[in-house]
């Protein structure tokens, strides 16, 4: 999958190519050898065809120049005290990889193909340092190709990928969208195999979370703003010039592309993406705002990948319904959409949700939300009719599984998402109100003590809901 090179990176590389390097002085200083210089000059500032012929005629020599060999260090290692030489050689290495197809397989045959590059990722405390940035592009190219050359697990590849992921994650946290886009495009080049995606998911706090923050910024929502997303309150106006939070269309597309690639491992990542990132209400809102068919296509395909695995259906389909995805899909069908893949995914997703909703109840949706471990202000929580009809079932289902899980959820502090505790207190209040004779069941799992404790919480909404719940208990305190 080929993407246009990021403009900032192109500009940086062109500037470095234009810089004069005092090569002879570097030889006299012992930074590089005379033999190194001959190899460099043979391929520097020459036509692409001439460069290809030169490298093809002596691939082993150029592998030794760039990575090192039995008779010497890589030029990147020997020139470690010359930032100008390292930058120039990193750009030249990238050019050689692009222009000479035979070079990459030769480099990857080296016993330690990534050795000269990995230390350069941490060359500076500033992740935007040119050496680290240029190194990442070379490594991304090598590691991407290595996944095809070595389809089975490779120890060195598996060790190098997490280090590059870690560096790229620092770019995704930058306030500059140019650096974010460089990182995201390199992620996309790397997520070619199941193992690469599994390693990416293993580091999800570093890799996935910043990407989801970008998507939340695009809809004008923070991580704890799912109630806004569920209501569909964000305006669609102005999105062509960049969505909310200054997220441009190109960056949005590239981030969606990476999450789509990750969703190939839907059975592994689906539940976690919803529990940790609330991806279903977020993607529902992104679908509502999607400015182009190409972004709509990625959103639909990702949702289909996440909702289709059998182990995800019981947990994710109820939450997709709560997020009002079925109604949005109906609206999408009324648009004049032309992409055949998009239409196929839209139909498949509509059928999947229709099959589910035809046989499920509001209780199933509520149960799935609680058992998923993260509460949001979905409709059942404030629906008096729901509690009248289902409170007793909630307490009895699977030997009290739901209140036990509710106690587990409320036992956490939720410092970054206090609304979870407010919702939990709300639910406890309704249970006591509708089934007061089962108050002792709630007390045994610790819900009464926790609700009383939360009356002193620093968050106003938590204090209010806990007071309401305690008020229900006090109605029966003298029984």
Foldseek 3Di string as FASTA:
>chain_A
DDDDAQPVVVVVLVVLLPDDDPVVVCCVVVLDHPVLVVLCVQQRPDDLVSNQVSCVVPLVVVLCQQQNDPVGGHSLVSNVVPPSVLLNVLSVLVVSVVSHVVNLVVLVVDPQSCVSLLVQLPVDPDLPPSSNLSSLVNVLSSLLVVCVVPVDDDVNSLVRLLSSLQSLLVQLPDPDVSSVQSSLVSLLSNLPHPSSLVSQVVPCVSHVVSLLQLLCQQQPHDQQRLVCLLVLVGDLPPPQCPGHNRHHPSSLLSSLSSLLSSLLVLVVCQLVCCLPRVVLSSLLSCCVNPPDVSNLLSSLSSVCSNCVDPVRPLQVLLSNVLSVNLVSLVVVVPDPDDDPSSVVSSVVVNVVSVVVVVPDDVVSSVQSQLVSLFDDPGPLLPDLVNLLVCLVVCCPPPPRPRLLSLLVSLVDDPPVHCVRLLSSLSSLQSSCQNCVVCVVVNVVSPNLVSLVVQCPPPDPSNVVSSVSSVVSVVVPPPD
